[in-house]
Amino acid sequence: MRWNLRMKAAERGIWKSTEFRRQLADAGLEISAGKMSALWTGTPTTIRLDDLDVICAVLDCGPEELLIREPEKVAARRPQQVAEARPAQVLTPRWGRNRSLPPA
């Protein structure tokens, strides 16, 4: 996923994180300067859905405009198929035979 906050903010004429932070506070979301910096400059590892809802309301957008899918990165993470695949090992159940006895 690519975080698209700054582009959406720029489309709304918001160029500074302090201005965006003020608008979020006006909408009822108080964000610390450190958290605002992390949201503004990088991709957050987590974000509360309530916070995302307020951010979307302030920017007049949907979450799909802030979180851009990158399917090529997902495809790159998949393990490559092995050229010579090993045959699947067949396991046969032991229906109760050859069990060890409980301790005496």
PDB file of N, CA and C in Angstrom:
ATOM      1  N   MET A   1       0.835  -1.177   0.000  1.00  0.00           N
ATOM      2  CA  MET A   1       0.000   0.000   0.000  1.00  0.00           C
ATOM      3  C   MET A   1       0.882   1.243   0.000  1.00  0.00           C
ATOM      4  N   ARG A   2       0.408   2.216  -0.715  1.00  0.00           N
ATOM      5  CA  ARG A   2       1.104   3.511  -0.738  1.00  0.00           C
ATOM      6  C   ARG A   2       0.213   4.529  -0.051  1.00  0.00           C
ATOM      7  N   TRP A   3       0.777   5.313   0.840  1.00  0.00           N
ATOM      8  CA  TRP A   3       0.076   6.338   1.605  1.00  0.00           C
ATOM      9  C   TRP A   3       0.077   7.621   0.788  1.00  0.00           C
ATOM     10  N   ASN A   4      -1.095   8.131   0.494  1.00  0.00           N
ATOM     11  CA  ASN A   4      -1.253   9.241  -0.432  1.00  0.00           C
ATOM     12  C   ASN A   4      -1.761  10.511   0.268  1.00  0.00           C
ATOM     13  N   LEU A   5      -1.466  10.688   1.537  1.00  0.00           N
ATOM     14  CA  LEU A   5      -1.995  11.810   2.316  1.00  0.00           C
ATOM     15  C   LEU A   5      -1.558  13.160   1.773  1.00  0.00           C
ATOM     16  N   ARG A   6      -0.283  13.319   1.514  1.00  0.00           N
ATOM     17  CA  ARG A   6       0.205  14.642   1.102  1.00  0.00           C
ATOM     18  C   ARG A   6      -0.355  15.068  -0.246  1.00  0.00           C
ATOM     19  N   MET A   7      -0.536  14.130  -1.167  1.00  0.00           N
ATOM     20  CA  MET A   7      -1.097  14.479  -2.473  1.00  0.00           C
ATOM     21  C   MET A   7      -2.555  14.909  -2.323  1.00  0.00           C
ATOM     22  N   LYS A   8      -3.324  14.167  -1.512  1.00  0.00           N
ATOM     23  CA  LYS A   8      -4.725  14.530  -1.300  1.00  0.00           C
ATOM     24  C   LYS A   8      -4.827  15.869  -0.579  1.00  0.00           C
ATOM     25  N   ALA A   9      -3.930  16.123   0.366  1.00  0.00           N
ATOM     26  CA  ALA A   9      -3.935  17.407   1.065  1.00  0.00           C
ATOM     27  C   ALA A   9      -3.599  18.544   0.099  1.00  0.00           C
ATOM     28  N   ALA A  10      -2.625  18.320  -0.775  1.00  0.00           N
ATOM     29  CA  ALA A  10      -2.245  19.350  -1.754  1.00  0.00           C
ATOM     30  C   ALA A  10      -3.405  19.652  -2.703  1.00  0.00           C
ATOM     31  N   GLU A  11      -4.157  18.626  -3.065  1.00  0.00           N
ATOM     32  CA  GLU A  11      -5.322  18.844  -3.929  1.00  0.00           C
ATOM     33  C   GLU A  11      -6.370  19.726  -3.258  1.00  0.00           C
ATOM     34  N   ARG A  12      -6.385  19.728  -1.922  1.00  0.00           N
ATOM     35  CA  ARG A  12      -7.319  20.565  -1.165  1.00  0.00           C
ATOM     36  C   ARG A  12      -6.694  21.892  -0.760  1.00  0.00           C
ATOM     37  N   GLY A  13      -5.458  22.152  -1.226  1.00  0.00           N
ATOM     38  CA  GLY A  13      -4.790  23.417  -0.917  1.00  0.00           C
ATOM     39  C   GLY A  13      -4.118  23.442   0.436  1.00  0.00           C
ATOM     40  N   ILE A  14      -3.878  22.282   1.013  1.00  0.00           N
ATOM     41  CA  ILE A  14      -3.208  22.187   2.314  1.00  0.00           C
ATOM     42  C   ILE A  14      -1.759  21.798   2.042  1.00  0.00           C
ATOM     43  N   TRP A  15      -0.833  22.711   2.346  1.00  0.00           N
ATOM     44  CA  TRP A  15       0.571  22.489   2.001  1.00  0.00           C
ATOM     45  C   TRP A  15       1.450  22.217   3.206  1.00  0.00           C
ATOM     46  N   LYS A  16       0.960  22.520   4.420  1.00  0.00           N
ATOM     47  CA  LYS A  16       1.776  22.335   5.621  1.00  0.00           C
ATOM     48  C   LYS A  16       1.055  21.423   6.599  1.00  0.00           C
ATOM     49  N   SER A  17       1.839  20.600   7.295  1.00  0.00           N
ATOM     50  CA  SER A  17       1.245  19.664   8.251  1.00  0.00           C
ATOM     51  C   SER A  17       0.583  20.406   9.408  1.00  0.00           C
ATOM     52  N   THR A  18       1.114  21.566   9.782  1.00  0.00           N
ATOM     53  CA  THR A  18       0.509  22.329  10.878  1.00  0.00           C
ATOM     54  C   THR A  18      -0.891  22.810  10.500  1.00  0.00           C
ATOM     55  N   GLU A  19      -1.062  23.207   9.260  1.00  0.00           N
ATOM     56  CA  GLU A  19      -2.375  23.636   8.787  1.00  0.00           C
ATOM     57  C   GLU A  19      -3.353  22.459   8.788  1.00  0.00           C
ATOM     58  N   PHE A  20      -2.879  21.293   8.344  1.00  0.00           N
ATOM     59  CA  PHE A  20      -3.720  20.101   8.324  1.00  0.00           C
ATOM     60  C   PHE A  20      -4.064  19.666   9.748  1.00  0.00           C
ATOM     61  N   ARG A  21      -3.095  19.749  10.640  1.00  0.00           N
ATOM     62  CA  ARG A  21      -3.320  19.387  12.038  1.00  0.00           C
ATOM     63  C   ARG A  21      -4.381  20.288  12.661  1.00  0.00           C
ATOM     64  N   ARG A  22      -4.358  21.576  12.328  1.00  0.00           N
ATOM     65  CA  ARG A  22      -5.361  22.511  12.833  1.00  0.00           C
ATOM     66  C   ARG A  22      -6.748  22.140  12.311  1.00  0.00           C
ATOM     67  N   GLN A  23      -6.835  21.786  11.035  1.00  0.00           N
ATOM     68  CA  GLN A  23      -8.121  21.403  10.457  1.00  0.00           C
ATOM     69  C   GLN A  23      -8.648  20.107  11.070  1.00  0.00           C
ATOM     70  N   LEU A  24      -7.749  19.179  11.373  1.00  0.00           N
ATOM     71  CA  LEU A  24      -8.166  17.951  12.053  1.00  0.00           C
ATOM     72  C   LEU A  24      -8.692  18.264  13.446  1.00  0.00           C
ATOM     73  N   ALA A  25      -8.023  19.178  14.150  1.00  0.00           N
ATOM     74  CA  ALA A  25      -8.473  19.568  15.491  1.00  0.00           C
ATOM     75  C   ALA A  25      -9.852  20.225  15.409  1.00  0.00           C
ATOM     76  N   ASP A  26     -10.077  21.044  14.389  1.00  0.00           N
ATOM     77  CA  ASP A  26     -11.394  21.664  14.207  1.00  0.00           C
ATOM     78  C   ASP A  26     -12.471  20.619  13.953  1.00  0.00           C
ATOM     79  N   ALA A  27     -12.089  19.480  13.366  1.00  0.00           N
ATOM     80  CA  ALA A  27     -13.027  18.397  13.089  1.00  0.00           C
ATOM     81  C   ALA A  27     -13.154  17.431  14.266  1.00  0.00           C
ATOM     82  N   GLY A  28     -12.395  17.672  15.350  1.00  0.00           N
ATOM     83  CA  GLY A  28     -12.517  16.852  16.546  1.00  0.00           C
ATOM     84  C   GLY A  28     -11.430  15.825  16.754  1.00  0.00           C
ATOM     85  N   LEU A  29     -10.380  15.876  15.962  1.00  0.00           N
ATOM     86  CA  LEU A  29      -9.284  14.911  16.110  1.00  0.00           C
ATOM     87  C   LEU A  29      -8.019  15.645  16.522  1.00  0.00           C
ATOM     88  N   GLU A  30      -7.634  15.468  17.782  1.00  0.00           N
ATOM     89  CA  GLU A  30      -6.401  16.070  18.304  1.00  0.00           C
ATOM     90  C   GLU A  30      -5.256  15.095  18.074  1.00  0.00           C
ATOM     91  N   ILE A  31      -4.284  15.497  17.280  1.00  0.00           N
ATOM     92  CA  ILE A  31      -3.129  14.652  16.981  1.00  0.00           C
ATOM     93  C   ILE A  31      -1.875  15.341  17.505  1.00  0.00           C
ATOM     94  N   SER A  32      -1.012  14.576  18.138  1.00  0.00           N
ATOM     95  CA  SER A  32       0.247  15.141  18.628  1.00  0.00           C
ATOM     96  C   SER A  32       1.126  15.529  17.443  1.00  0.00           C
ATOM     97  N   ALA A  33       2.069  16.398  17.708  1.00  0.00           N
ATOM     98  CA  ALA A  33       2.979  16.854  16.650  1.00  0.00           C
ATOM     99  C   ALA A  33       3.781  15.678  16.094  1.00  0.00           C
ATOM    100  N   GLY A  34       4.194  14.765  16.949  1.00  0.00           N
ATOM    101  CA  GLY A  34       4.961  13.607  16.500  1.00  0.00           C
ATOM    102  C   GLY A  34       4.149  12.691  15.603  1.00  0.00           C
ATOM    103  N   LYS A  35       2.909  12.419  15.994  1.00  0.00           N
ATOM    104  CA  LYS A  35       2.057  11.558  15.173  1.00  0.00           C
ATOM    105  C   LYS A  35       1.726  12.241  13.853  1.00  0.00           C
ATOM    106  N   MET A  36       1.499  13.558  13.896  1.00  0.00           N
ATOM    107  CA  MET A  36       1.207  14.292  12.666  1.00  0.00           C
ATOM    108  C   MET A  36       2.410  14.241  11.731  1.00  0.00           C
ATOM    109  N   SER A  37       3.593  14.382  12.273  1.00  0.00           N
ATOM    110  CA  SER A  37       4.806  14.308  11.463  1.00  0.00           C
ATOM    111  C   SER A  37       4.932  12.944  10.803  1.00  0.00           C
ATOM    112  N   ALA A  38       4.629  11.886  11.555  1.00  0.00           N
ATOM    113  CA  ALA A  38       4.714  10.534  11.000  1.00  0.00           C
ATOM    114  C   ALA A  38       3.686  10.323   9.889  1.00  0.00           C
ATOM    115  N   LEU A  39       2.478  10.828  10.078  1.00  0.00           N
ATOM    116  CA  LEU A  39       1.449  10.705   9.048  1.00  0.00           C
ATOM    117  C   LEU A  39       1.807  11.515   7.809  1.00  0.00           C
ATOM    118  N   TRP A  40       2.397  12.686   8.026  1.00  0.00           N
ATOM    119  CA  TRP A  40       2.671  13.609   6.931  1.00  0.00           C
ATOM    120  C   TRP A  40       3.881  13.191   6.111  1.00  0.00           C
ATOM    121  N   THR A  41       4.921  12.675   6.760  1.00  0.00           N
ATOM    122  CA  THR A  41       6.183  12.425   6.060  1.00  0.00           C
ATOM    123  C   THR A  41       6.377  10.984   5.597  1.00  0.00           C
ATOM    124  N   GLY A  42       5.640  10.051   6.166  1.00  0.00           N
ATOM    125  CA  GLY A  42       5.867   8.661   5.800  1.00  0.00           C
ATOM    126  C   GLY A  42       4.577   7.878   5.733  1.00  0.00           C
ATOM    127  N   THR A  43       4.723   6.584   5.579  1.00  0.00           N
ATOM    128  CA  THR A  43       3.576   5.688   5.545  1.00  0.00           C
ATOM    129  C   THR A  43       3.358   5.129   6.941  1.00  0.00           C
ATOM    130  N   PRO A  44       2.183   5.327   7.522  1.00  0.00           N
ATOM    131  CA  PRO A  44       1.956   4.797   8.872  1.00  0.00           C
ATOM    132  C   PRO A  44       1.862   3.279   8.851  1.00  0.00           C
ATOM    133  N   THR A  45       2.390   2.648   9.882  1.00  0.00           N
ATOM    134  CA  THR A  45       2.275   1.197   9.976  1.00  0.00           C
ATOM    135  C   THR A  45       0.883   0.819  10.465  1.00  0.00           C
ATOM    136  N   THR A  46       0.296   1.673  11.287  1.00  0.00           N
ATOM    137  CA  THR A  46      -1.074   1.475  11.753  1.00  0.00           C
ATOM    138  C   THR A  46      -1.782   2.818  11.761  1.00  0.00           C
ATOM    139  N   ILE A  47      -3.098   2.759  11.618  1.00  0.00           N
ATOM    140  CA  ILE A  47      -3.911   3.953  11.753  1.00  0.00           C
ATOM    141  C   ILE A  47      -5.276   3.517  12.253  1.00  0.00           C
ATOM    142  N   ARG A  48      -5.778   4.236  13.222  1.00  0.00           N
ATOM    143  CA  ARG A  48      -7.100   3.910  13.766  1.00  0.00           C
ATOM    144  C   ARG A  48      -8.162   4.264  12.739  1.00  0.00           C
ATOM    145  N   LEU A  49      -9.176   3.427  12.654  1.00  0.00           N
ATOM    146  CA  LEU A  49     -10.240   3.670  11.692  1.00  0.00           C
ATOM    147  C   LEU A  49     -10.989   4.961  11.995  1.00  0.00           C
ATOM    148  N   ASP A  50     -11.154   5.285  13.283  1.00  0.00           N
ATOM    149  CA  ASP A  50     -11.806   6.548  13.642  1.00  0.00           C
ATOM    150  C   ASP A  50     -10.990   7.736  13.143  1.00  0.00           C
ATOM    151  N   ASP A  51      -9.658   7.655  13.287  1.00  0.00           N
ATOM    152  CA  ASP A  51      -8.781   8.726  12.795  1.00  0.00           C
ATOM    153  C   ASP A  51      -8.858   8.826  11.279  1.00  0.00           C
ATOM    154  N   LEU A  52      -8.852   7.682  10.603  1.00  0.00           N
ATOM    155  CA  LEU A  52      -8.937   7.662   9.147  1.00  0.00           C
ATOM    156  C   LEU A  52     -10.248   8.277   8.673  1.00  0.00           C
ATOM    157  N   ASP A  53     -11.314   8.037   9.410  1.00  0.00           N
ATOM    158  CA  ASP A  53     -12.611   8.602   9.068  1.00  0.00           C
ATOM    159  C   ASP A  53     -12.580  10.125   9.121  1.00  0.00           C
ATOM    160  N   VAL A  54     -11.964  10.689  10.160  1.00  0.00           N
ATOM    161  CA  VAL A  54     -11.867  12.148  10.286  1.00  0.00           C
ATOM    162  C   VAL A  54     -10.949  12.724   9.207  1.00  0.00           C
ATOM    163  N   ILE A  55      -9.842  12.050   8.938  1.00  0.00           N
ATOM    164  CA  ILE A  55      -8.922  12.509   7.893  1.00  0.00           C
ATOM    165  C   ILE A  55      -9.648  12.560   6.554  1.00  0.00           C
ATOM    166  N   CYS A  56     -10.412  11.517   6.254  1.00  0.00           N
ATOM    167  CA  CYS A  56     -11.167  11.481   5.000  1.00  0.00           C
ATOM    168  C   CYS A  56     -12.213  12.584   4.952  1.00  0.00           C
ATOM    169  N   ALA A  57     -12.850  12.871   6.086  1.00  0.00           N
ATOM    170  CA  ALA A  57     -13.849  13.939   6.128  1.00  0.00           C
ATOM    171  C   ALA A  57     -13.214  15.296   5.863  1.00  0.00           C
ATOM    172  N   VAL A  58     -12.047  15.551   6.476  1.00  0.00           N
ATOM    173  CA  VAL A  58     -11.364  16.834   6.286  1.00  0.00           C
ATOM    174  C   VAL A  58     -10.895  16.993   4.844  1.00  0.00           C
ATOM    175  N   LEU A  59     -10.396  15.902   4.243  1.00  0.00           N
ATOM    176  CA  LEU A  59      -9.895  15.965   2.870  1.00  0.00           C
ATOM    177  C   LEU A  59     -10.987  15.728   1.829  1.00  0.00           C
ATOM    178  N   ASP A  60     -12.200  15.428   2.292  1.00  0.00           N
ATOM    179  CA  ASP A  60     -13.332  15.156   1.401  1.00  0.00           C
ATOM    180  C   ASP A  60     -12.976  14.073   0.380  1.00  0.00           C
ATOM    181  N   CYS A  61     -12.514  12.938   0.920  1.00  0.00           N
ATOM    182  CA  CYS A  61     -12.126  11.817   0.059  1.00  0.00           C
ATOM    183  C   CYS A  61     -12.486  10.515   0.750  1.00  0.00           C
ATOM    184  N   GLY A  62     -12.291   9.431   0.065  1.00  0.00           N
ATOM    185  CA  GLY A  62     -12.519   8.112   0.642  1.00  0.00           C
ATOM    186  C   GLY A  62     -11.197   7.464   1.006  1.00  0.00           C
ATOM    187  N   PRO A  63     -11.230   6.408   1.824  1.00  0.00           N
ATOM    188  CA  PRO A  63      -9.994   5.732   2.218  1.00  0.00           C
ATOM    189  C   PRO A  63      -9.234   5.151   1.029  1.00  0.00           C
ATOM    190  N   GLU A  64      -9.967   4.779  -0.033  1.00  0.00           N
ATOM    191  CA  GLU A  64      -9.299   4.218  -1.209  1.00  0.00           C
ATOM    192  C   GLU A  64      -8.439   5.253  -1.934  1.00  0.00           C
ATOM    193  N   GLU A  65      -8.677   6.539  -1.655  1.00  0.00           N
ATOM    194  CA  GLU A  65      -7.848   7.590  -2.256  1.00  0.00           C
ATOM    195  C   GLU A  65      -6.605   7.867  -1.423  1.00  0.00           C
ATOM    196  N   LEU A  66      -6.621   7.473  -0.148  1.00  0.00           N
ATOM    197  CA  LEU A  66      -5.454   7.646   0.724  1.00  0.00           C
ATOM    198  C   LEU A  66      -4.571   6.404   0.736  1.00  0.00           C
ATOM    199  N   LEU A  67      -5.186   5.245   0.603  1.00  0.00           N
ATOM    200  CA  LEU A  67      -4.450   3.978   0.617  1.00  0.00           C
ATOM    201  C   LEU A  67      -4.488   3.397  -0.791  1.00  0.00           C
ATOM    202  N   ILE A  68      -3.418   3.580  -1.528  1.00  0.00           N
ATOM    203  CA  ILE A  68      -3.340   3.146  -2.917  1.00  0.00           C
ATOM    204  C   ILE A  68      -2.764   1.739  -2.969  1.00  0.00           C
ATOM    205  N   ARG A  69      -3.503   0.828  -3.580  1.00  0.00           N
ATOM    206  CA  ARG A  69      -3.033  -0.555  -3.726  1.00  0.00           C
ATOM    207  C   ARG A  69      -1.846  -0.618  -4.689  1.00  0.00           C
ATOM    208  N   GLU A  70      -0.931  -1.531  -4.414  1.00  0.00           N
ATOM    209  CA  GLU A  70       0.223  -1.777  -5.267  1.00  0.00           C
ATOM    210  C   GLU A  70       0.352  -3.281  -5.503  1.00  0.00           C
ATOM    211  N   PRO A  71      -0.468  -3.828  -6.417  1.00  0.00           N
ATOM    212  CA  PRO A  71      -0.469  -5.287  -6.620  1.00  0.00           C
ATOM    213  C   PRO A  71       0.865  -5.841  -7.103  1.00  0.00           C
ATOM    214  N   GLU A  72       1.663  -5.036  -7.796  1.00  0.00           N
ATOM    215  CA  GLU A  72       2.957  -5.537  -8.274  1.00  0.00           C
ATOM    216  C   GLU A  72       3.894  -5.847  -7.105  1.00  0.00           C
ATOM    217  N   LYS A  73       3.777  -5.116  -6.005  1.00  0.00           N
ATOM    218  CA  LYS A  73       4.598  -5.407  -4.829  1.00  0.00           C
ATOM    219  C   LYS A  73       4.141  -6.698  -4.154  1.00  0.00           C
ATOM    220  N   VAL A  74       2.845  -6.941  -4.173  1.00  0.00           N
ATOM    221  CA  VAL A  74       2.322  -8.187  -3.603  1.00  0.00           C
ATOM    222  C   VAL A  74       2.813  -9.367  -4.430  1.00  0.00           C
ATOM    223  N   ALA A  75       2.754  -9.220  -5.757  1.00  0.00           N
ATOM    224  CA  ALA A  75       3.213 -10.299  -6.636  1.00  0.00           C
ATOM    225  C   ALA A  75       4.704 -10.570  -6.445  1.00  0.00           C
ATOM    226  N   ALA A  76       5.484  -9.526  -6.202  1.00  0.00           N
ATOM    227  CA  ALA A  76       6.925  -9.697  -6.019  1.00  0.00           C
ATOM    228  C   ALA A  76       7.251 -10.438  -4.725  1.00  0.00           C
ATOM    229  N   ARG A  77       6.363 -10.399  -3.746  1.00  0.00           N
ATOM    230  CA  ARG A  77       6.613 -11.063  -2.471  1.00  0.00           C
ATOM    231  C   ARG A  77       6.297 -12.546  -2.511  1.00  0.00           C
ATOM    232  N   ARG A  78       5.533 -12.983  -3.494  1.00  0.00           N
ATOM    233  CA  ARG A  78       5.182 -14.405  -3.592  1.00  0.00           C
ATOM    234  C   ARG A  78       6.428 -15.228  -3.879  1.00  0.00           C
ATOM    235  N   PRO A  79       6.541 -16.391  -3.248  1.00  0.00           N
ATOM    236  CA  PRO A  79       7.710 -17.233  -3.527  1.00  0.00           C
ATOM    237  C   PRO A  79       7.667 -17.751  -4.961  1.00  0.00           C
ATOM    238  N   GLN A  80       8.820 -17.816  -5.573  1.00  0.00           N
ATOM    239  CA  GLN A  80       8.917 -18.311  -6.940  1.00  0.00           C
ATOM    240  C   GLN A  80       8.719 -19.814  -6.940  1.00  0.00           C
ATOM    241  N   GLN A  81       8.120 -20.342  -8.001  1.00  0.00           N
ATOM    242  CA  GLN A  81       7.909 -21.781  -8.118  1.00  0.00           C
ATOM    243  C   GLN A  81       9.254 -22.462  -8.369  1.00  0.00           C
ATOM    244  N   VAL A  82       9.496 -23.566  -7.693  1.00  0.00           N
ATOM    245  CA  VAL A  82      10.729 -24.327  -7.854  1.00  0.00           C
ATOM    246  C   VAL A  82      10.633 -25.098  -9.169  1.00  0.00           C
ATOM    247  N   ALA A  83      11.719 -25.082  -9.938  1.00  0.00           N
ATOM    248  CA  ALA A  83      11.720 -25.733 -11.246  1.00  0.00           C
ATOM    249  C   ALA A  83      11.402 -27.219 -11.128  1.00  0.00           C
ATOM    250  N   GLU A  84      12.050 -27.896 -10.194  1.00  0.00           N
ATOM    251  CA  GLU A  84      11.804 -29.324  -9.995  1.00  0.00           C
ATOM    252  C   GLU A  84      11.039 -29.490  -8.693  1.00  0.00           C
ATOM    253  N   ALA A  85       9.757 -29.567  -8.802  1.00  0.00           N
ATOM    254  CA  ALA A  85       8.928 -29.714  -7.608  1.00  0.00           C
ATOM    255  C   ALA A  85       9.051 -31.128  -7.062  1.00  0.00           C
ATOM    256  N   ARG A  86       9.168 -31.210  -5.761  1.00  0.00           N
ATOM    257  CA  ARG A  86       9.242 -32.515  -5.126  1.00  0.00           C
ATOM    258  C   ARG A  86       7.843 -33.127  -5.088  1.00  0.00           C
ATOM    259  N   PRO A  87       7.740 -34.430  -5.240  1.00  0.00           N
ATOM    260  CA  PRO A  87       6.418 -35.049  -5.130  1.00  0.00           C
ATOM    261  C   PRO A  87       5.901 -34.911  -3.700  1.00  0.00           C
ATOM    262  N   ALA A  88       4.623 -34.755  -3.561  1.00  0.00           N
ATOM    263  CA  ALA A  88       4.020 -34.610  -2.242  1.00  0.00           C
ATOM    264  C   ALA A  88       4.170 -35.904  -1.463  1.00  0.00           C
ATOM    265  N   GLN A  89       4.551 -35.781  -0.217  1.00  0.00           N
ATOM    266  CA  GLN A  89       4.717 -36.948   0.629  1.00  0.00           C
ATOM    267  C   GLN A  89       3.340 -37.383   1.118  1.00  0.00           C
ATOM    268  N   VAL A  90       3.046 -38.650   0.978  1.00  0.00           N
ATOM    269  CA  VAL A  90       1.756 -39.181   1.394  1.00  0.00           C
ATOM    270  C   VAL A  90       1.882 -39.686   2.818  1.00  0.00           C
ATOM    271  N   LEU A  91       1.034 -39.203   3.686  1.00  0.00           N
ATOM    272  CA  LEU A  91       1.036 -39.639   5.076  1.00  0.00           C
ATOM    273  C   LEU A  91      -0.144 -40.578   5.283  1.00  0.00           C
ATOM    274  N   THR A  92       0.137 -41.702   5.902  1.00  0.00           N
ATOM    275  CA  THR A  92      -0.942 -42.650   6.186  1.00  0.00           C
ATOM    276  C   THR A  92      -1.179 -42.668   7.690  1.00  0.00           C
ATOM    277  N   PRO A  93      -2.428 -42.565   8.097  1.00  0.00           N
ATOM    278  CA  PRO A  93      -2.716 -42.557   9.538  1.00  0.00           C
ATOM    279  C   PRO A  93      -2.461 -43.921  10.154  1.00  0.00           C
ATOM    280  N   ARG A  94      -2.218 -43.948  11.446  1.00  0.00           N
ATOM    281  CA  ARG A  94      -1.913 -45.182  12.162  1.00  0.00           C
ATOM    282  C   ARG A  94      -3.076 -45.546  13.054  1.00  0.00           C
ATOM    283  N   TRP A  95      -4.161 -45.723  12.722  1.00  0.00           N
ATOM    284  CA  TRP A  95      -5.411 -45.963  13.422  1.00  0.00           C
ATOM    285  C   TRP A  95      -5.267 -46.680  14.763  1.00  0.00           C
ATOM    286  N   GLY A  96      -4.508 -46.179  15.651  1.00  0.00           N
ATOM    287  CA  GLY A  96      -4.436 -46.697  17.007  1.00  0.00           C
ATOM    288  C   GLY A  96      -3.470 -47.847  17.231  1.00  0.00           C
ATOM    289  N   ARG A  97      -2.837 -48.367  16.195  1.00  0.00           N
ATOM    290  CA  ARG A  97      -1.893 -49.458  16.369  1.00  0.00           C
ATOM    291  C   ARG A  97      -0.531 -48.890  16.742  1.00  0.00           C
ATOM    292  N   ASN A  98       0.256 -49.711  17.364  1.00  0.00           N
ATOM    293  CA  ASN A  98       1.639 -49.390  17.709  1.00  0.00           C
ATOM    294  C   ASN A  98       1.736 -48.197  18.661  1.00  0.00           C
ATOM    295  N   ARG A  99       0.756 -48.054  19.502  1.00  0.00           N
ATOM    296  CA  ARG A  99       0.837 -46.986  20.501  1.00  0.00           C
ATOM    297  C   ARG A  99       1.674 -47.470  21.669  1.00  0.00           C
ATOM    298  N   SER A 100       2.364 -46.563  22.282  1.00  0.00           N
ATOM    299  CA  SER A 100       3.124 -46.933  23.478  1.00  0.00           C
ATOM    300  C   SER A 100       2.167 -46.990  24.663  1.00  0.00           C
ATOM    301  N   LEU A 101       2.554 -47.758  25.662  1.00  0.00           N
ATOM    302  CA  LEU A 101       1.727 -47.888  26.848  1.00  0.00           C
ATOM    303  C   LEU A 101       1.984 -46.714  27.784  1.00  0.00           C
ATOM    304  N   PRO A 102       0.995 -46.331  28.555  1.00  0.00           N
ATOM    305  CA  PRO A 102       1.205 -45.245  29.511  1.00  0.00           C
ATOM    306  C   PRO A 102       2.184 -45.671  30.605  1.00  0.00           C
ATOM    307  N   PRO A 103       2.829 -44.733  31.257  1.00  0.00           N
ATOM    308  CA  PRO A 103       3.768 -45.100  32.317  1.00  0.00           C
ATOM    309  C   PRO A 103       3.066 -45.830  33.451  1.00  0.00           C
ATOM    310  N   ALA A 104       3.779 -46.803  34.037  1.00  0.00           N
ATOM    311  CA  ALA A 104       3.190 -47.619  35.118  1.00  0.00           C
ATOM    312  C   ALA A 104       3.273 -46.930  36.446  1.00  0.00           C
TER     313      ALA A 104
END
